[in-house]
C-alpha atoms as a PDB file:
ATOM      1  CA  UNK A   1       0.000   0.000   0.000  1.00  0.00           C
ATOM      2  CA  UNK A   2       1.370   3.409  -1.063  1.00  0.00           C
ATOM      3  CA  UNK A   3       0.224   6.743   0.309  1.00  0.00           C
ATOM      4  CA  UNK A   4       0.290  10.040  -1.594  1.00  0.00           C
ATOM      5  CA  UNK A   5      -1.109  13.516  -1.206  1.00  0.00           C
ATOM      6  CA  UNK A   6      -2.948  14.589  -4.326  1.00  0.00           C
ATOM      7  CA  UNK A   7      -1.617  17.807  -5.881  1.00  0.00           C
ATOM      8  CA  UNK A   8      -4.163  18.178  -8.686  1.00  0.00           C
ATOM      9  CA  UNK A   9      -6.224  20.744  -6.778  1.00  0.00           C
ATOM     10  CA  UNK A  10      -5.896  22.655  -3.490  1.00  0.00           C
ATOM     11  CA  UNK A  11      -7.982  20.073  -1.616  1.00  0.00           C
ATOM     12  CA  UNK A  12      -4.922  17.825  -1.054  1.00  0.00           C
ATOM     13  CA  UNK A  13      -6.680  14.479  -0.647  1.00  0.00           C
ATOM     14  CA  UNK A  14      -4.791  11.725   1.166  1.00  0.00           C
ATOM     15  CA  UNK A  15      -4.650   8.900  -1.356  1.00  0.00           C
ATOM     16  CA  UNK A  16      -3.964   5.232  -0.754  1.00  0.00           C
ATOM     17  CA  UNK A  17      -3.055   2.937  -3.638  1.00  0.00           C
ATOM     18  CA  UNK A  18      -2.889  -0.836  -3.334  1.00  0.00           C
ATOM     19  CA  UNK A  19      -0.848  -3.260  -5.434  1.00  0.00           C
ATOM     20  CA  UNK A  20      -3.753  -3.602  -7.908  1.00  0.00           C
ATOM     21  CA  UNK A  21      -3.780   0.190  -8.490  1.00  0.00           C
ATOM     22  CA  UNK A  22      -7.060   0.638  -6.618  1.00  0.00           C
ATOM     23  CA  UNK A  23      -7.154   4.194  -5.262  1.00  0.00           C
ATOM     24  CA  UNK A  24      -9.046   5.327  -2.177  1.00  0.00           C
ATOM     25  CA  UNK A  25      -9.283   8.684  -0.431  1.00  0.00           C
ATOM     26  CA  UNK A  26      -9.778  10.714  -3.589  1.00  0.00           C
ATOM     27  CA  UNK A  27     -12.599  13.252  -3.673  1.00  0.00           C
ATOM     28  CA  UNK A  28     -12.726  13.313  -7.468  1.00  0.00           C
ATOM     29  CA  UNK A  29     -11.690  11.078 -10.411  1.00  0.00           C
ATOM     30  CA  UNK A  30      -8.698  13.317 -11.116  1.00  0.00           C
ATOM     31  CA  UNK A  31      -7.133  12.179  -7.854  1.00  0.00           C
ATOM     32  CA  UNK A  32      -7.315   8.528  -8.869  1.00  0.00           C
ATOM     33  CA  UNK A  33      -5.809   9.325 -12.274  1.00  0.00           C
ATOM     34  CA  UNK A  34      -3.009  11.310 -10.608  1.00  0.00           C
ATOM     35  CA  UNK A  35      -2.183   8.475  -8.197  1.00  0.00           C
ATOM     36  CA  UNK A  36      -1.925   5.835 -10.925  1.00  0.00           C
ATOM     37  CA  UNK A  37       0.138   8.156 -13.117  1.00  0.00           C
ATOM     38  CA  UNK A  38       2.446   9.055 -10.234  1.00  0.00           C
ATOM     39  CA  UNK A  39       3.193   5.399  -9.524  1.00  0.00           C
ATOM     40  CA  UNK A  40       3.479   4.182 -13.101  1.00  0.00           C
ATOM     41  CA  UNK A  41       5.009   7.126 -15.010  1.00  0.00           C
ATOM     42  CA  UNK A  42       5.532  10.314 -12.969  1.00  0.00           C
ATOM     43  CA  UNK A  43       5.578  13.538 -14.970  1.00  0.00           C
ATOM     44  CA  UNK A  44       6.646  17.047 -13.988  1.00  0.00           C
ATOM     45  CA  UNK A  45       6.867  20.533 -15.427  1.00  0.00           C
ATOM     46  CA  UNK A  46      10.262  22.170 -15.095  1.00  0.00           C
ATOM     47  CA  UNK A  47      11.008  25.821 -14.355  1.00  0.00           C
ATOM     48  CA  UNK A  48      14.427  27.419 -14.426  1.00  0.00           C
ATOM     49  CA  UNK A  49      16.289  30.449 -15.746  1.00  0.00           C
ATOM     50  CA  UNK A  50      18.510  31.203 -18.729  1.00  0.00           C
ATOM     51  CA  UNK A  51      21.372  33.689 -18.964  1.00  0.00           C
ATOM     52  CA  UNK A  52      20.783  36.908 -20.936  1.00  0.00           C
ATOM     53  CA  UNK A  53      23.990  37.548 -22.876  1.00  0.00           C
ATOM     54  CA  UNK A  54      23.564  41.254 -23.560  1.00  0.00           C
ATOM     55  CA  UNK A  55      22.758  42.169 -19.942  1.00  0.00           C
ATOM     56  CA  UNK A  56      25.352  41.842 -17.202  1.00  0.00           C
ATOM     57  CA  UNK A  57      24.338  39.508 -14.356  1.00  0.00           C
ATOM     58  CA  UNK A  58      20.847  38.987 -15.782  1.00  0.00           C
ATOM     59  CA  UNK A  59      18.777  35.852 -16.216  1.00  0.00           C
ATOM     60  CA  UNK A  60      15.230  35.351 -17.459  1.00  0.00           C
ATOM     61  CA  UNK A  61      12.775  32.721 -16.261  1.00  0.00           C
ATOM     62  CA  UNK A  62      11.811  29.776 -18.473  1.00  0.00           C
ATOM     63  CA  UNK A  63       9.645  26.671 -18.221  1.00  0.00           C
ATOM     64  CA  UNK A  64       8.730  23.599 -20.199  1.00  0.00           C
ATOM     65  CA  UNK A  65       5.643  23.982 -22.367  1.00  0.00           C
ATOM     66  CA  UNK A  66       4.299  20.722 -20.947  1.00  0.00           C
ATOM     67  CA  UNK A  67       5.160  17.903 -18.588  1.00  0.00           C
ATOM     68  CA  UNK A  68       8.232  15.703 -18.979  1.00  0.00           C
ATOM     69  CA  UNK A  69       9.116  12.326 -17.448  1.00  0.00           C
ATOM     70  CA  UNK A  70      10.472  12.859 -13.942  1.00  0.00           C
ATOM     71  CA  UNK A  71      13.574  10.795 -14.712  1.00  0.00           C
ATOM     72  CA  UNK A  72      14.569  13.246 -17.482  1.00  0.00           C
ATOM     73  CA  UNK A  73      14.615  16.359 -15.269  1.00  0.00           C
ATOM     74  CA  UNK A  74      18.354  16.413 -14.511  1.00  0.00           C
ATOM     75  CA  UNK A  75      19.279  15.705 -18.115  1.00  0.00           C
ATOM     76  CA  UNK A  76      17.014  18.526 -19.291  1.00  0.00           C
ATOM     77  CA  UNK A  77      18.501  20.873 -16.665  1.00  0.00           C
ATOM     78  CA  UNK A  78      21.952  20.180 -18.101  1.00  0.00           C
ATOM     79  CA  UNK A  79      20.612  21.270 -21.493  1.00  0.00           C
ATOM     80  CA  UNK A  80      18.912  24.377 -20.060  1.00  0.00           C
ATOM     81  CA  UNK A  81      22.156  25.401 -18.341  1.00  0.00           C
ATOM     82  CA  UNK A  82      23.822  25.667 -21.778  1.00  0.00           C
ATOM     83  CA  UNK A  83      21.160  28.009 -23.192  1.00  0.00           C
ATOM     84  CA  UNK A  84      21.580  31.768 -23.614  1.00  0.00           C
ATOM     85  CA  UNK A  85      19.209  34.416 -24.940  1.00  0.00           C
ATOM     86  CA  UNK A  86      19.566  37.995 -26.076  1.00  0.00           C
ATOM     87  CA  UNK A  87      17.169  40.677 -24.855  1.00  0.00           C
ATOM     88  CA  UNK A  88      14.547  41.714 -25.709  1.00  0.00           C
ATOM     89  CA  UNK A  89      12.449  38.587 -25.094  1.00  0.00           C
ATOM     90  CA  UNK A  90       8.709  38.129 -24.664  1.00  0.00           C
ATOM     91  CA  UNK A  91       6.538  35.698 -22.759  1.00  0.00           C
ATOM     92  CA  UNK A  92       6.070  32.571 -24.866  1.00  0.00           C
ATOM     93  CA  UNK A  93       9.246  32.962 -26.936  1.00  0.00           C
ATOM     94  CA  UNK A  94      10.777  29.550 -27.604  1.00  0.00           C
ATOM     95  CA  UNK A  95      14.356  29.221 -26.354  1.00  0.00           C
ATOM     96  CA  UNK A  96      14.773  25.553 -27.273  1.00  0.00           C
ATOM     97  CA  UNK A  97      12.465  23.484 -29.479  1.00  0.00           C
ATOM     98  CA  UNK A  98      11.952  19.802 -28.598  1.00  0.00           C
ATOM     99  CA  UNK A  99      15.057  19.360 -26.416  1.00  0.00           C
ATOM    100  CA  UNK A 100      16.093  15.728 -25.905  1.00  0.00           C
ATOM    101  CA  UNK A 101      13.174  14.702 -28.124  1.00  0.00           C
ATOM    102  CA  UNK A 102      10.753  15.228 -25.210  1.00  0.00           C
ATOM    103  CA  UNK A 103       8.028  16.846 -27.350  1.00  0.00           C
ATOM    104  CA  UNK A 104       8.067  20.070 -25.280  1.00  0.00           C
ATOM    105  CA  UNK A 105       9.667  23.463 -25.783  1.00  0.00           C
ATOM    106  CA  UNK A 106      11.579  25.635 -23.327  1.00  0.00           C
ATOM    107  CA  UNK A 107       9.712  28.930 -23.294  1.00  0.00           C
ATOM    108  CA  UNK A 108      10.261  32.380 -21.767  1.00  0.00           C
ATOM    109  CA  UNK A 109       7.941  33.265 -18.866  1.00  0.00           C
ATOM    110  CA  UNK A 110       8.901  36.920 -18.338  1.00  0.00           C
ATOM    111  CA  UNK A 111       9.065  39.893 -20.690  1.00  0.00           C
ATOM    112  CA  UNK A 112      12.467  41.550 -20.760  1.00  0.00           C
ATOM    113  CA  UNK A 113      12.958  44.739 -22.790  1.00  0.00           C
END
């Protein structure tokens, strides 16, 4: 029996999952889906920052455009750490398209003039 706290909504249901993937403690169906996904193939979004090359000591925030497998987070961070942008940048600008073949983009999350 595994125990998790659901993070799909602010309710934070205490979930219990048995070896047959039966979920209890969830208030809604999303909690059960989250629990099974978390035990079989956990996914995460990733946020970080990228250096701005034409501004001294400046970085701009970025994130993945979707979720990635949890086990790929460190490998993707290594890739993100090599990226650089030049200001100006806008929210939604793509810094890296489909890194590591993960079917997501690294996108800017803050406007920088």
